[in-house]
Amino acid sequence: MMRLGCAPCCCFTQRPRNAGGSCVARARLRVPPARATDTSSEPAAARLRTVLQVDEALGKGNDEAALSLVRGSKEVDGGLRCFGAARQVPQRLYKLDELKLNGIDTSAFLSPVDLTLGSIERILQIAAVLGGISVSVAFELSQLQALFLFVGLLSLWSVDLVYFNGGVRNLILDIIGHSLSRKYHNRVIQHEAGHFLIAYLLGVLPKEYTITSLDALIKKGSLNVQAGTAFVDFEFLEEVNTGKLSATMLNKFSCIALAGVATEYLLYGRAEGGLADIGQLDGLLKGLGFTQKKADSQVRWAVLNTVLILRRHEKARSQLAEAMSSGKSVGSCIQVVEESINTEDI
């Protein structure tokens, strides 16, 4: 799940390396003072200071300060040079054949079906029916009492659907999915790593992420908030609220929205999660009054652009996923990305 604000037009959101052993340290004590000192670790130290400051600003809810720190460090030696530095394909109308030539099958890309959680939900439904029958038999309930039991269960389901937007259902399914299916757990991590990486490389700062719905509940205290990656989005919201969404901002949003689906597609051949992400993008384009042809053009470009960036930076995405799986801070995740990408690749 990708969260980037809430637009009114739609329903959306080194380890420092040891500088040698002790014998080297003793040798340096004998170096004459006039000799220049080794500054090879200074860029890494500067980068570490920056990401720590970013974490501090985000922790205080000061998104503007965090964004200023990241942008201000780009021109500094040891700064966050990868932020907003992704190479992108020219924006034009791409035909489906051109996407296929790049190994992209949009039918498997843009129609995610969560088979894992779907299977778990069906099993739970069958178990609930069998459990209800067992209770009726064990307690020798009359037909009327059994009917009341059935209506009561339906009422609970309806309350969750109306007041929590299915939050209790989603929470239960997600907890079971992460507990019983390693593939589901890994897929969610990779999905969110895709959102994080594409956003950062396009110049949108991630501010927090959660891997499970339980984590989201603990952090936000609300069943209506799903797990996912959220971003520093005040600039996006300002443009949307004033009705002046720039092409640059739209392009960023389009790619970020499709990044999780694209990551799953590249790793597993098809996507299971990300239906809500696609819905967000579709809602935004409709809210902007895009014709079907114009919307198709925007989506095809975003698909191609996102997939090519992810392919180019596969190592960074993989290492970022490991960091996110360990629950590292946003700043630490940024540091992982910066250290995984060569200057020539941006």
Protein backbone atom coordinates (compact mmCIF):
# COMPACT_ATOMS: atom_id res chain seq x y z
CA MET A 1 0.00 0.00 0.00
CA MET A 2 1.32 3.40 -0.97
CA ARG A 3 0.04 6.50 0.81
CA LEU A 4 0.66 9.95 -0.61
CA GLY A 5 -1.75 12.37 0.96
CA CYS A 6 -5.48 12.57 0.49
CA ALA A 7 -6.62 14.40 -2.59
CA PRO A 8 -10.10 15.91 -2.71
CA CYS A 9 -10.56 14.65 -6.26
CA CYS A 10 -10.35 11.00 -5.28
CA CYS A 11 -10.34 8.58 -2.35
CA PHE A 12 -6.76 8.09 -1.69
CA THR A 13 -1.72 8.14 0.21
CA GLN A 14 27.89 1.77 7.41
CA ARG A 15 27.87 0.44 9.48
CA PRO A 16 31.07 2.62 9.51
CA ARG A 17 33.94 0.55 8.30
CA ASN A 18 36.78 0.15 10.78
CA ALA A 19 39.70 2.16 9.52
CA GLY A 20 42.24 -0.56 9.96
CA GLY A 21 43.49 -2.54 12.96
CA SER A 22 45.33 -1.44 16.06
CA CYS A 23 48.78 -1.79 14.47
CA VAL A 24 47.76 0.72 11.78
CA ALA A 25 46.56 3.10 14.43
CA ARG A 26 49.97 2.93 16.20
CA ALA A 27 51.71 3.59 12.90
CA ARG A 28 49.71 6.75 12.38
CA LEU A 29 50.97 8.11 15.69
CA ARG A 30 54.45 8.27 14.16
CA VAL A 31 53.33 10.23 11.07
CA PRO A 32 54.73 13.79 11.10
CA PRO A 33 52.07 16.43 11.78
CA ALA A 34 52.72 18.08 8.42
CA ARG A 35 51.41 15.01 6.54
CA ALA A 36 47.84 15.30 5.20
CA THR A 37 45.31 13.21 7.12
CA ASP A 38 43.20 10.51 5.48
CA THR A 39 39.75 11.93 4.75
CA SER A 40 38.37 8.94 2.85
CA SER A 41 35.78 8.29 5.55
CA GLU A 42 34.57 11.90 5.75
CA PRO A 43 31.85 11.54 3.03
CA ALA A 44 30.42 8.49 4.82
CA ALA A 45 30.49 10.34 8.14
CA ALA A 46 28.76 13.34 6.58
CA ARG A 47 26.09 11.10 5.08
CA LEU A 48 25.53 9.42 8.44
CA ARG A 49 25.10 12.78 10.15
CA THR A 50 22.55 13.82 7.54
CA VAL A 51 20.40 10.69 7.80
CA LEU A 52 20.43 10.93 11.59
CA GLN A 53 19.21 14.51 11.32
CA VAL A 54 16.53 13.41 8.84
CA ASP A 55 15.34 10.73 11.26
CA GLU A 56 15.21 13.30 14.06
CA ALA A 57 13.18 15.75 11.97
CA LEU A 58 10.75 13.05 10.82
CA GLY A 59 10.42 11.80 14.37
CA LYS A 60 9.31 15.27 15.43
CA GLY A 61 6.85 15.47 12.56
CA ASN A 62 8.83 18.27 10.89
CA ASP A 63 8.49 17.08 7.29
CA GLU A 64 9.66 20.35 5.76
CA ALA A 65 12.90 20.33 7.74
CA ALA A 66 13.57 16.71 6.78
CA LEU A 67 13.01 17.46 3.09
CA SER A 68 15.25 20.54 3.28
CA LEU A 69 18.03 18.47 4.86
CA VAL A 70 17.89 15.89 2.08
CA ARG A 71 17.78 18.45 -0.70
CA GLY A 72 20.50 20.59 0.86
CA SER A 73 22.88 17.65 1.15
CA LYS A 74 22.86 16.80 -2.56
CA GLU A 75 25.59 19.28 -3.45
CA VAL A 76 27.76 18.46 -0.44
CA ASP A 77 30.57 15.91 -0.51
CA GLY A 78 29.09 12.81 1.08
CA GLY A 79 25.57 14.11 0.57
CA LEU A 80 22.47 12.18 -0.47
CA ARG A 81 23.27 12.28 -4.18
CA CYS A 82 20.65 9.70 -5.24
CA PHE A 83 17.62 11.68 -4.10
CA GLY A 84 15.63 12.64 -7.18
CA ALA A 85 18.47 11.52 -9.45
CA ALA A 86 16.88 8.61 -11.32
CA ARG A 87 17.35 8.44 -15.08
CA GLN A 88 13.94 8.28 -16.72
CA VAL A 89 12.59 7.41 -20.14
CA PRO A 90 11.20 10.20 -22.34
CA GLN A 91 7.52 10.82 -21.77
CA ARG A 92 5.42 10.04 -24.84
CA LEU A 93 2.67 7.68 -25.93
CA TYR A 94 4.06 4.14 -25.72
CA LYS A 95 2.29 1.31 -27.52
CA LEU A 96 1.63 -2.03 -25.85
CA ASP A 97 4.08 -3.64 -28.29
CA GLU A 98 6.84 -1.37 -27.01
CA LEU A 99 6.14 -2.49 -23.45
CA LYS A 100 6.19 -6.12 -24.56
CA LEU A 101 9.57 -5.57 -26.22
CA ASN A 102 10.80 -4.53 -22.78
CA GLY A 103 9.42 -7.71 -21.24
CA ILE A 104 6.30 -6.14 -19.71
CA ASP A 105 2.95 -7.90 -19.88
CA THR A 106 0.42 -5.32 -18.69
CA SER A 107 -2.32 -7.94 -18.25
CA ALA A 108 -0.28 -9.58 -15.48
CA PHE A 109 0.92 -6.20 -14.24
CA LEU A 110 -2.25 -4.15 -13.75
CA SER A 111 -4.69 -6.82 -12.54
CA PRO A 112 -3.40 -7.94 -9.13
CA VAL A 113 -5.34 -10.66 -7.31
CA ASP A 114 -4.33 -11.51 -3.74
CA LEU A 115 -4.51 -15.29 -3.95
CA THR A 116 -2.87 -15.85 -0.55
CA LEU A 117 -5.26 -13.79 1.55
CA GLY A 118 -8.17 -14.89 -0.64
CA SER A 119 -7.42 -18.53 0.18
CA ILE A 120 -7.07 -17.75 3.88
CA GLU A 121 -10.38 -15.89 3.89
CA ARG A 122 -12.20 -18.79 2.24
CA ILE A 123 -10.76 -21.22 4.79
CA LEU A 124 -11.88 -18.96 7.64
CA GLN A 125 -15.37 -18.71 6.16
CA ILE A 126 -15.66 -22.49 5.92
CA ALA A 127 -14.30 -22.84 9.46
CA ALA A 128 -16.85 -20.29 10.72
CA VAL A 129 -19.74 -22.20 9.12
CA LEU A 130 -18.53 -25.54 10.48
CA GLY A 131 -17.92 -23.96 13.88
CA GLY A 132 -21.44 -22.55 13.94
CA ILE A 133 -22.88 -25.95 13.09
CA SER A 134 -20.75 -27.59 15.78
CA VAL A 135 -21.92 -25.08 18.40
CA SER A 136 -25.54 -25.64 17.40
CA VAL A 137 -25.17 -29.40 17.73
CA ALA A 138 -23.12 -29.29 20.94
CA PHE A 139 -25.54 -26.98 22.75
CA GLU A 140 -28.61 -28.44 21.06
CA LEU A 141 -29.74 -25.04 19.81
CA SER A 142 -33.16 -24.70 18.24
CA GLN A 143 -33.50 -23.45 14.69
CA LEU A 144 -34.48 -20.02 16.01
CA GLN A 145 -31.45 -19.87 18.30
CA ALA A 146 -29.19 -20.95 15.45
CA LEU A 147 -30.71 -18.23 13.30
CA PHE A 148 -29.99 -15.62 16.00
CA LEU A 149 -26.38 -16.85 16.17
CA PHE A 150 -26.02 -16.53 12.42
CA VAL A 151 -27.57 -13.04 12.39
CA GLY A 152 -25.28 -11.98 15.24
CA LEU A 153 -22.18 -13.00 13.30
CA LEU A 154 -23.44 -11.13 10.24
CA SER A 155 -24.04 -8.05 12.39
CA LEU A 156 -20.45 -8.10 13.64
CA TRP A 157 -19.21 -8.37 10.06
CA SER A 158 -21.46 -5.45 9.04
CA VAL A 159 -20.23 -3.26 11.92
CA ASP A 160 -16.63 -3.85 10.86
CA LEU A 161 -17.47 -3.07 7.25
CA VAL A 162 -19.37 0.15 8.05
CA TYR A 163 -17.38 1.64 10.93
CA PHE A 164 -13.87 0.31 10.28
CA ASN A 165 -13.99 -0.11 6.49
CA GLY A 166 -13.24 -3.81 6.92
CA GLY A 167 -10.28 -3.04 9.20
CA VAL A 168 -10.85 -5.93 11.60
CA ARG A 169 -11.17 -8.37 8.71
CA ASN A 170 -8.02 -7.02 7.05
CA LEU A 171 -6.13 -7.12 10.35
CA ILE A 172 -7.01 -10.77 11.01
CA LEU A 173 -6.20 -11.86 7.46
CA ASP A 174 -2.92 -9.96 7.44
CA ILE A 175 -1.79 -11.39 10.78
CA ILE A 176 -2.55 -14.92 9.62
CA GLY A 177 -0.92 -14.26 6.23
CA HIS A 178 2.34 -13.03 7.77
CA SER A 179 2.33 -15.87 10.31
CA LEU A 180 1.58 -18.80 8.00
CA SER A 181 2.93 -17.74 4.60
CA ARG A 182 6.58 -16.80 4.25
CA LYS A 183 5.93 -15.96 0.61
CA TYR A 184 3.21 -13.48 1.56
CA HIS A 185 5.49 -11.89 4.19
CA ASN A 186 8.36 -11.50 1.74
CA ARG A 187 6.07 -10.21 -1.01
CA VAL A 188 4.75 -7.44 1.22
CA ILE A 189 8.29 -6.39 2.15
CA GLN A 190 9.42 -6.32 -1.47
CA HIS A 191 6.26 -4.41 -2.44
CA GLU A 192 6.94 -1.67 0.11
CA ALA A 193 10.64 -1.57 -0.78
CA GLY A 194 9.58 -0.84 -4.36
CA HIS A 195 7.44 2.10 -3.24
CA PHE A 196 10.25 3.43 -1.02
CA LEU A 197 13.01 3.15 -3.62
CA ILE A 198 11.10 4.66 -6.54
CA ALA A 199 9.85 7.54 -4.40
CA TYR A 200 13.34 8.36 -3.15
CA LEU A 201 14.98 8.15 -6.57
CA LEU A 202 12.26 10.42 -8.03
CA GLY A 203 12.66 13.02 -5.30
CA VAL A 204 9.80 12.20 -2.93
CA LEU A 205 10.95 11.59 0.64
CA PRO A 206 9.51 8.56 2.47
CA LYS A 207 8.65 9.44 6.07
CA GLU A 208 7.49 6.12 7.55
CA TYR A 209 6.59 2.58 6.65
CA THR A 210 4.87 -0.41 8.21
CA ILE A 211 5.01 -3.99 6.99
CA THR A 212 2.03 -5.46 8.84
CA SER A 213 -1.45 -4.18 9.64
CA LEU A 214 -0.70 -4.86 13.31
CA ASP A 215 2.28 -2.49 13.14
CA ALA A 216 0.04 0.14 11.55
CA LEU A 217 -2.56 -0.32 14.30
CA ILE A 218 0.06 0.05 17.02
CA LYS A 219 1.61 3.16 15.44
CA LYS A 220 -1.59 4.90 14.38
CA GLY A 221 -4.13 3.46 16.81
CA SER A 222 -6.68 3.10 14.04
CA LEU A 223 -8.10 0.12 12.17
CA ASN A 224 -8.74 2.33 9.16
CA VAL A 225 -5.01 2.71 8.43
CA GLN A 226 -3.47 -0.12 6.44
CA ALA A 227 0.17 -1.09 6.40
CA GLY A 228 2.26 0.65 3.78
CA THR A 229 4.69 3.47 3.03
CA ALA A 230 3.83 7.11 3.62
CA PHE A 231 5.66 10.09 2.17
CA VAL A 232 6.43 13.74 2.81
CA ASP A 233 3.57 15.01 0.68
CA PHE A 234 2.84 18.63 1.62
CA GLU A 235 3.96 19.85 -1.81
CA PHE A 236 1.73 17.30 -3.54
CA LEU A 237 -1.25 18.25 -1.39
CA GLU A 238 -0.68 21.95 -2.00
CA GLU A 239 -0.76 21.44 -5.76
CA VAL A 240 -3.85 19.22 -5.58
CA ASN A 241 -5.74 21.57 -3.26
CA THR A 242 -5.05 24.55 -5.50
CA GLY A 243 -6.08 22.60 -8.60
CA LYS A 244 -2.64 23.06 -10.16
CA LEU A 245 -1.10 19.60 -10.16
CA SER A 246 2.04 19.86 -12.27
CA ALA A 247 3.05 17.25 -14.84
CA THR A 248 6.21 16.59 -12.83
CA MET A 249 4.27 15.84 -9.65
CA LEU A 250 1.76 13.70 -11.53
CA ASN A 251 4.59 11.70 -13.08
CA LYS A 252 6.14 11.10 -9.67
CA PHE A 253 2.83 10.01 -8.16
CA SER A 254 2.09 7.70 -11.09
CA CYS A 255 5.41 5.88 -10.78
CA ILE A 256 5.26 5.63 -6.99
CA ALA A 257 1.72 4.25 -7.15
CA LEU A 258 2.81 1.49 -9.55
CA ALA A 259 6.16 0.74 -7.90
CA GLY A 260 4.88 -1.96 -5.53
CA VAL A 261 3.01 -3.77 -8.29
CA ALA A 262 6.05 -3.45 -10.59
CA THR A 263 8.33 -4.94 -7.96
CA GLU A 264 6.07 -7.95 -7.47
CA TYR A 265 5.78 -8.40 -11.23
CA LEU A 266 9.57 -8.41 -11.69
CA LEU A 267 10.17 -10.83 -8.83
CA TYR A 268 7.22 -13.21 -9.12
CA GLY A 269 5.92 -12.78 -12.66
CA ARG A 270 2.62 -11.30 -11.44
CA ALA A 271 1.34 -9.05 -8.68
CA GLU A 272 -1.01 -10.03 -5.86
CA GLY A 273 -1.00 -6.79 -3.86
CA GLY A 274 -1.42 -3.24 -5.07
CA LEU A 275 -5.04 -3.15 -6.21
CA ALA A 276 -5.64 -0.15 -3.92
CA ASP A 277 -2.56 1.59 -5.37
CA ILE A 278 -3.89 1.21 -8.90
CA GLY A 279 -7.27 2.44 -7.68
CA GLN A 280 -5.64 5.56 -6.23
CA LEU A 281 -3.93 6.36 -9.51
CA ASP A 282 -7.08 5.66 -11.51
CA GLY A 283 -9.08 7.90 -9.19
CA LEU A 284 -6.57 10.73 -9.52
CA LEU A 285 -6.55 10.58 -13.32
CA LYS A 286 -10.34 10.58 -13.43
CA GLY A 287 -10.43 13.47 -10.99
CA LEU A 288 -8.13 15.41 -13.29
CA GLY A 289 -10.52 14.83 -16.18
CA PHE A 290 -8.21 12.58 -18.20
CA THR A 291 -9.74 10.86 -21.22
CA GLN A 292 -9.20 7.11 -21.45
CA LYS A 293 -6.55 7.60 -24.14
CA LYS A 294 -4.67 10.17 -22.07
CA ALA A 295 -4.91 8.02 -18.94
CA ASP A 296 -3.60 4.98 -20.85
CA SER A 297 -0.67 7.03 -22.10
CA GLN A 298 0.18 8.18 -18.58
CA VAL A 299 -0.04 4.69 -17.13
CA ARG A 300 2.00 3.05 -19.91
CA TRP A 301 4.79 5.58 -19.53
CA ALA A 302 4.77 5.15 -15.75
CA VAL A 303 4.85 1.36 -16.06
CA LEU A 304 7.83 1.42 -18.43
CA ASN A 305 9.69 4.09 -16.47
CA THR A 306 9.18 2.35 -13.12
CA VAL A 307 10.15 -1.11 -14.36
CA LEU A 308 13.35 0.15 -16.00
CA ILE A 309 14.41 2.03 -12.86
CA LEU A 310 13.75 -1.04 -10.69
CA ARG A 311 15.72 -3.25 -13.05
CA ARG A 312 18.63 -0.82 -13.06
CA HIS A 313 18.74 -0.66 -9.28
CA GLU A 314 17.85 -4.25 -8.38
CA LYS A 315 20.69 -4.47 -5.87
CA ALA A 316 19.55 -1.35 -4.04
CA ARG A 317 15.98 -2.64 -3.91
CA SER A 318 17.09 -6.00 -2.55
CA GLN A 319 19.26 -4.48 0.19
CA LEU A 320 16.57 -1.95 1.01
CA ALA A 321 14.06 -4.79 1.47
CA GLU A 322 16.42 -6.44 3.95
CA ALA A 323 16.73 -3.19 5.88
CA MET A 324 12.97 -2.69 5.97
CA SER A 325 12.48 -6.30 7.05
CA SER A 326 14.75 -5.56 10.02
CA GLY A 327 12.67 -2.52 10.92
CA LYS A 328 15.43 0.02 10.32
CA SER A 329 14.60 3.71 10.42
CA VAL A 330 13.84 5.74 7.30
CA GLY A 331 17.23 7.41 7.57
CA SER A 332 19.01 4.06 7.80
CA CYS A 333 17.06 2.81 4.77
CA ILE A 334 18.11 5.91 2.84
CA GLN A 335 21.72 5.24 3.77
CA VAL A 336 21.38 1.68 2.44
CA VAL A 337 20.09 3.01 -0.88
CA GLU A 338 22.87 5.59 -1.15
CA GLU A 339 25.57 3.02 -0.47
CA SER A 340 24.08 0.48 -2.90
CA ILE A 341 24.02 2.69 -5.99
CA ASN A 342 27.06 3.71 -8.03
CA THR A 343 27.36 7.28 -9.17
CA GLU A 344 27.46 6.15 -12.81
CA ASP A 345 23.99 4.58 -12.49
CA ILE A 346 22.18 7.84 -11.68
